[in-house]
Amino acid sequence: MAGASTHGDTVLMTSLFVAIEASFAYSAKMPSWFTVSTFSDDPEKVAVLRQGEVAATAWALALAIVSSILLQSVWPLAFAIVACGAEVIGYEYQIAHPVGDVHSMTEGASS
């Protein structure tokens, strides 16, 4: 039948949706990468950022696990793991590379 959706199509599309939603979980629970890099030189704030990473990862993986169970496929979970990994790598990079003092970055700039 032309235009009929297969289980494979459903798994693929749901897996992509789960990966996108995994990234949205970080967006909902964490500040932007730029914002993280502006205050990641404070150890107390870094600890709070890492708590946010854990919360966002847990939320994203919960969605992925439920989707995988419903579809009886490992792909939604696999896509979410990749998305979560990319997000955590991005946040950890920003934590490890905080931006300098804003005033020192603008010194010498003409008005």
N, C-alpha and C. Protein backbone atom coordinates (compact mmCIF):
# COMPACT_ATOMS: atom_id res chain seq x y z
N MET A 1 0.85 -1.17 0.00
CA MET A 1 0.00 0.00 0.00
C MET A 1 0.90 1.24 0.00
N ALA A 2 0.71 2.11 -0.95
CA ALA A 2 1.52 3.32 -1.08
C ALA A 2 1.22 4.26 0.08
N GLY A 3 2.29 4.82 0.64
CA GLY A 3 2.13 5.79 1.73
C GLY A 3 1.93 5.16 3.09
N ALA A 4 1.92 3.84 3.16
CA ALA A 4 1.71 3.20 4.45
C ALA A 4 2.99 3.30 5.29
N SER A 5 2.81 3.60 6.54
CA SER A 5 3.95 3.71 7.46
C SER A 5 4.31 2.33 7.98
N THR A 6 5.60 2.06 8.05
CA THR A 6 6.05 0.78 8.60
C THR A 6 6.51 0.99 10.03
N HIS A 7 6.68 -0.11 10.74
CA HIS A 7 7.17 -0.03 12.11
C HIS A 7 8.56 0.61 12.12
N GLY A 8 9.38 0.31 11.13
CA GLY A 8 10.71 0.90 11.04
C GLY A 8 10.66 2.41 10.90
N ASP A 9 9.71 2.91 10.10
CA ASP A 9 9.53 4.36 9.95
C ASP A 9 9.14 4.98 11.29
N THR A 10 8.24 4.32 11.99
CA THR A 10 7.79 4.81 13.28
C THR A 10 8.94 4.84 14.28
N VAL A 11 9.75 3.81 14.30
CA VAL A 11 10.89 3.75 15.21
C VAL A 11 11.88 4.86 14.89
N LEU A 12 12.19 5.04 13.62
CA LEU A 12 13.14 6.08 13.22
C LEU A 12 12.64 7.47 13.60
N MET A 13 11.42 7.77 13.25
CA MET A 13 10.88 9.10 13.54
C MET A 13 10.77 9.34 15.05
N THR A 14 10.35 8.34 15.78
CA THR A 14 10.26 8.49 17.24
C THR A 14 11.65 8.64 17.85
N SER A 15 12.63 7.92 17.33
CA SER A 15 14.01 8.04 17.82
C SER A 15 14.54 9.44 17.60
N LEU A 16 14.28 10.00 16.43
CA LEU A 16 14.70 11.38 16.17
C LEU A 16 14.00 12.36 17.11
N PHE A 17 12.71 12.15 17.31
CA PHE A 17 11.95 12.99 18.23
C PHE A 17 12.53 12.91 19.64
N VAL A 18 12.85 11.70 20.09
CA VAL A 18 13.41 11.51 21.43
C VAL A 18 14.76 12.22 21.55
N ALA A 19 15.59 12.15 20.53
CA ALA A 19 16.89 12.83 20.56
C ALA A 19 16.71 14.35 20.66
N ILE A 20 15.77 14.88 19.90
CA ILE A 20 15.49 16.32 19.97
C ILE A 20 14.95 16.70 21.34
N GLU A 21 14.06 15.90 21.87
CA GLU A 21 13.51 16.17 23.19
C GLU A 21 14.58 16.05 24.28
N ALA A 22 15.55 15.18 24.07
CA ALA A 22 16.65 15.07 25.03
C ALA A 22 17.41 16.39 25.10
N SER A 23 17.67 16.98 23.95
CA SER A 23 18.34 18.29 23.95
C SER A 23 17.47 19.35 24.60
N PHE A 24 16.18 19.29 24.38
CA PHE A 24 15.27 20.25 25.02
C PHE A 24 15.28 20.10 26.54
N ALA A 25 15.50 18.90 27.04
CA ALA A 25 15.56 18.69 28.49
C ALA A 25 16.70 19.51 29.09
N TYR A 26 17.82 19.56 28.39
CA TYR A 26 18.95 20.37 28.87
C TYR A 26 18.60 21.85 28.79
N SER A 27 17.94 22.24 27.72
CA SER A 27 17.54 23.62 27.56
C SER A 27 16.59 24.06 28.67
N ALA A 28 15.74 23.16 29.13
CA ALA A 28 14.78 23.49 30.17
C ALA A 28 15.41 23.55 31.56
N LYS A 29 16.44 22.75 31.79
CA LYS A 29 17.00 22.65 33.12
C LYS A 29 18.34 23.35 33.30
N MET A 30 18.93 23.83 32.20
CA MET A 30 20.26 24.42 32.25
C MET A 30 20.28 25.76 31.52
N PRO A 31 21.22 26.63 31.91
CA PRO A 31 21.40 27.86 31.13
C PRO A 31 22.11 27.54 29.81
N SER A 32 22.21 28.54 28.96
CA SER A 32 22.88 28.33 27.68
C SER A 32 24.36 28.07 27.89
N TRP A 33 25.00 27.51 26.86
CA TRP A 33 26.44 27.25 26.94
C TRP A 33 27.20 28.55 27.18
N PHE A 34 26.79 29.62 26.53
CA PHE A 34 27.46 30.91 26.72
C PHE A 34 27.35 31.35 28.17
N THR A 35 26.16 31.26 28.73
CA THR A 35 25.97 31.68 30.12
C THR A 35 26.81 30.83 31.06
N VAL A 36 26.87 29.54 30.81
CA VAL A 36 27.68 28.65 31.64
C VAL A 36 29.13 29.10 31.62
N SER A 37 29.64 29.46 30.46
CA SER A 37 31.05 29.85 30.37
C SER A 37 31.33 31.17 31.07
N THR A 38 30.31 31.96 31.36
CA THR A 38 30.54 33.25 32.02
C THR A 38 30.64 33.13 33.53
N PHE A 39 30.14 32.06 34.11
CA PHE A 39 30.25 31.93 35.57
C PHE A 39 30.77 30.58 36.02
N SER A 40 31.42 29.87 35.13
CA SER A 40 31.90 28.54 35.49
C SER A 40 33.24 28.55 36.22
N ASP A 41 33.72 29.73 36.59
CA ASP A 41 34.96 29.78 37.36
C ASP A 41 34.70 29.70 38.86
N ASP A 42 33.45 29.59 39.27
CA ASP A 42 33.06 29.47 40.68
C ASP A 42 32.72 28.01 40.97
N PRO A 43 33.48 27.34 41.86
CA PRO A 43 33.25 25.91 42.13
C PRO A 43 31.84 25.59 42.63
N GLU A 44 31.24 26.48 43.40
CA GLU A 44 29.87 26.23 43.88
C GLU A 44 28.87 26.25 42.72
N LYS A 45 29.06 27.17 41.80
CA LYS A 45 28.17 27.24 40.64
C LYS A 45 28.38 26.05 39.72
N VAL A 46 29.62 25.60 39.60
CA VAL A 46 29.90 24.41 38.78
C VAL A 46 29.19 23.20 39.36
N ALA A 47 29.17 23.09 40.69
CA ALA A 47 28.47 21.97 41.33
C ALA A 47 26.98 22.00 41.00
N VAL A 48 26.40 23.19 41.01
CA VAL A 48 24.98 23.32 40.66
C VAL A 48 24.76 22.99 39.19
N LEU A 49 25.67 23.42 38.33
CA LEU A 49 25.56 23.08 36.90
C LEU A 49 25.58 21.57 36.70
N ARG A 50 26.44 20.90 37.41
CA ARG A 50 26.51 19.44 37.26
C ARG A 50 25.26 18.76 37.79
N GLN A 51 24.64 19.33 38.82
CA GLN A 51 23.35 18.80 39.28
C GLN A 51 22.31 18.94 38.18
N GLY A 52 22.35 20.06 37.47
CA GLY A 52 21.44 20.26 36.34
C GLY A 52 21.69 19.26 35.23
N GLU A 53 22.97 18.96 34.98
CA GLU A 53 23.29 17.95 33.96
C GLU A 53 22.68 16.59 34.34
N VAL A 54 22.80 16.25 35.62
CA VAL A 54 22.24 14.96 36.08
C VAL A 54 20.73 14.95 35.92
N ALA A 55 20.07 16.04 36.33
CA ALA A 55 18.61 16.11 36.24
C ALA A 55 18.14 16.03 34.78
N ALA A 56 18.80 16.78 33.90
CA ALA A 56 18.41 16.77 32.48
C ALA A 56 18.65 15.41 31.86
N THR A 57 19.77 14.78 32.20
CA THR A 57 20.08 13.45 31.66
C THR A 57 19.04 12.44 32.13
N ALA A 58 18.70 12.50 33.41
CA ALA A 58 17.70 11.56 33.94
C ALA A 58 16.36 11.73 33.24
N TRP A 59 15.95 12.97 33.05
CA TRP A 59 14.68 13.25 32.37
C TRP A 59 14.69 12.73 30.94
N ALA A 60 15.77 13.02 30.22
CA ALA A 60 15.88 12.59 28.82
C ALA A 60 15.92 11.07 28.70
N LEU A 61 16.66 10.42 29.58
CA LEU A 61 16.76 8.96 29.52
C LEU A 61 15.45 8.29 29.93
N ALA A 62 14.71 8.91 30.84
CA ALA A 62 13.40 8.35 31.21
C ALA A 62 12.47 8.34 30.00
N LEU A 63 12.44 9.46 29.28
CA LEU A 63 11.63 9.53 28.06
C LEU A 63 12.08 8.48 27.05
N ALA A 64 13.39 8.33 26.90
CA ALA A 64 13.93 7.38 25.94
C ALA A 64 13.61 5.94 26.32
N ILE A 65 13.70 5.63 27.59
CA ILE A 65 13.41 4.27 28.05
C ILE A 65 11.94 3.93 27.81
N VAL A 66 11.06 4.86 28.15
CA VAL A 66 9.63 4.62 27.92
C VAL A 66 9.36 4.44 26.42
N SER A 67 9.96 5.28 25.60
CA SER A 67 9.77 5.16 24.15
C SER A 67 10.30 3.83 23.62
N SER A 68 11.45 3.42 24.14
CA SER A 68 12.03 2.14 23.70
C SER A 68 11.14 0.97 24.10
N ILE A 69 10.59 1.03 25.29
CA ILE A 69 9.69 -0.04 25.74
C ILE A 69 8.43 -0.08 24.88
N LEU A 70 7.84 1.09 24.64
CA LEU A 70 6.61 1.13 23.85
C LEU A 70 6.83 0.64 22.42
N LEU A 71 7.96 0.99 21.85
CA LEU A 71 8.25 0.58 20.46
C LEU A 71 8.97 -0.75 20.36
N GLN A 72 9.35 -1.29 21.50
CA GLN A 72 10.12 -2.54 21.55
C GLN A 72 11.35 -2.45 20.65
N SER A 73 12.08 -1.34 20.85
CA SER A 73 13.28 -1.08 20.07
C SER A 73 14.29 -0.33 20.93
N VAL A 74 15.55 -0.61 20.74
CA VAL A 74 16.61 0.06 21.47
C VAL A 74 16.96 1.42 20.86
N TRP A 75 16.49 1.71 19.64
CA TRP A 75 16.90 2.92 18.93
C TRP A 75 16.55 4.23 19.62
N PRO A 76 15.35 4.40 20.18
CA PRO A 76 15.10 5.67 20.88
C PRO A 76 16.09 5.90 22.02
N LEU A 77 16.43 4.86 22.75
CA LEU A 77 17.41 4.99 23.83
C LEU A 77 18.78 5.32 23.27
N ALA A 78 19.17 4.66 22.20
CA ALA A 78 20.48 4.92 21.59
C ALA A 78 20.59 6.36 21.10
N PHE A 79 19.55 6.85 20.43
CA PHE A 79 19.57 8.24 19.94
C PHE A 79 19.66 9.21 21.11
N ALA A 80 18.93 8.94 22.19
CA ALA A 80 18.96 9.82 23.35
C ALA A 80 20.32 9.82 24.03
N ILE A 81 20.97 8.68 24.09
CA ILE A 81 22.31 8.60 24.69
C ILE A 81 23.28 9.47 23.90
N VAL A 82 23.19 9.41 22.59
CA VAL A 82 24.07 10.25 21.75
C VAL A 82 23.77 11.74 22.00
N ALA A 83 22.50 12.10 22.04
CA ALA A 83 22.13 13.50 22.26
C ALA A 83 22.58 13.97 23.65
N CYS A 84 22.38 13.14 24.66
CA CYS A 84 22.81 13.50 26.01
C CYS A 84 24.33 13.65 26.07
N GLY A 85 25.03 12.75 25.41
CA GLY A 85 26.48 12.84 25.38
C GLY A 85 26.95 14.14 24.75
N ALA A 86 26.32 14.53 23.66
CA ALA A 86 26.69 15.78 23.00
C ALA A 86 26.43 16.98 23.91
N GLU A 87 25.32 16.96 24.60
CA GLU A 87 24.99 18.06 25.51
C GLU A 87 25.99 18.14 26.68
N VAL A 88 26.26 17.01 27.29
CA VAL A 88 27.18 17.00 28.43
C VAL A 88 28.59 17.42 27.99
N ILE A 89 29.03 16.94 26.84
CA ILE A 89 30.34 17.36 26.33
C ILE A 89 30.36 18.88 26.13
N GLY A 90 29.32 19.42 25.57
CA GLY A 90 29.24 20.87 25.37
C GLY A 90 29.28 21.64 26.67
N TYR A 91 28.50 21.20 27.66
CA TYR A 91 28.49 21.89 28.95
C TYR A 91 29.84 21.76 29.66
N GLU A 92 30.42 20.58 29.62
CA GLU A 92 31.71 20.37 30.28
C GLU A 92 32.81 21.19 29.61
N TYR A 93 32.73 21.34 28.30
CA TYR A 93 33.70 22.18 27.60
C TYR A 93 33.58 23.62 28.09
N GLN A 94 32.35 24.11 28.19
CA GLN A 94 32.15 25.50 28.64
C GLN A 94 32.60 25.68 30.09
N ILE A 95 32.38 24.67 30.92
CA ILE A 95 32.84 24.75 32.32
C ILE A 95 34.36 24.81 32.36
N ALA A 96 35.00 24.02 31.53
CA ALA A 96 36.47 23.95 31.52
C ALA A 96 37.11 25.17 30.86
N HIS A 97 36.34 25.92 30.07
CA HIS A 97 36.88 27.08 29.35
C HIS A 97 36.04 28.33 29.61
N PRO A 98 36.06 28.83 30.85
CA PRO A 98 35.26 30.03 31.13
C PRO A 98 35.79 31.23 30.35
N VAL A 99 34.89 32.14 30.05
CA VAL A 99 35.32 33.36 29.36
C VAL A 99 36.05 34.24 30.35
N GLY A 100 36.91 35.11 29.83
CA GLY A 100 37.65 36.03 30.70
C GLY A 100 36.77 37.15 31.20
N ASP A 101 37.38 38.02 31.93
CA ASP A 101 36.70 39.20 32.43
C ASP A 101 36.17 40.01 31.25
N VAL A 102 34.92 40.39 31.30
CA VAL A 102 34.30 41.13 30.20
C VAL A 102 35.05 42.43 29.95
N HIS A 103 35.50 43.11 31.01
CA HIS A 103 36.20 44.38 30.84
C HIS A 103 37.52 44.18 30.11
N SER A 104 38.23 43.10 30.41
CA SER A 104 39.51 42.87 29.74
C SER A 104 39.30 42.51 28.28
N MET A 105 38.13 41.96 27.97
CA MET A 105 37.85 41.59 26.58
C MET A 105 37.55 42.83 25.75
N THR A 106 37.09 43.90 26.40
CA THR A 106 36.69 45.09 25.66
C THR A 106 37.71 46.22 25.74
N GLU A 107 38.80 46.00 26.48
CA GLU A 107 39.82 47.04 26.58
C GLU A 107 40.40 47.33 25.20
N GLY A 108 40.60 48.58 24.95
CA GLY A 108 41.17 48.98 23.67
C GLY A 108 40.15 49.11 22.57
N ALA A 109 38.91 48.75 22.84
CA ALA A 109 37.87 48.90 21.82
C ALA A 109 37.52 50.37 21.69
N SER A 110 37.40 50.83 20.49
CA SER A 110 37.07 52.23 20.30
C SER A 110 35.56 52.42 20.41
N SER A 111 35.17 53.60 20.92
CA SER A 111 33.75 53.85 21.06
C SER A 111 33.18 54.58 19.89
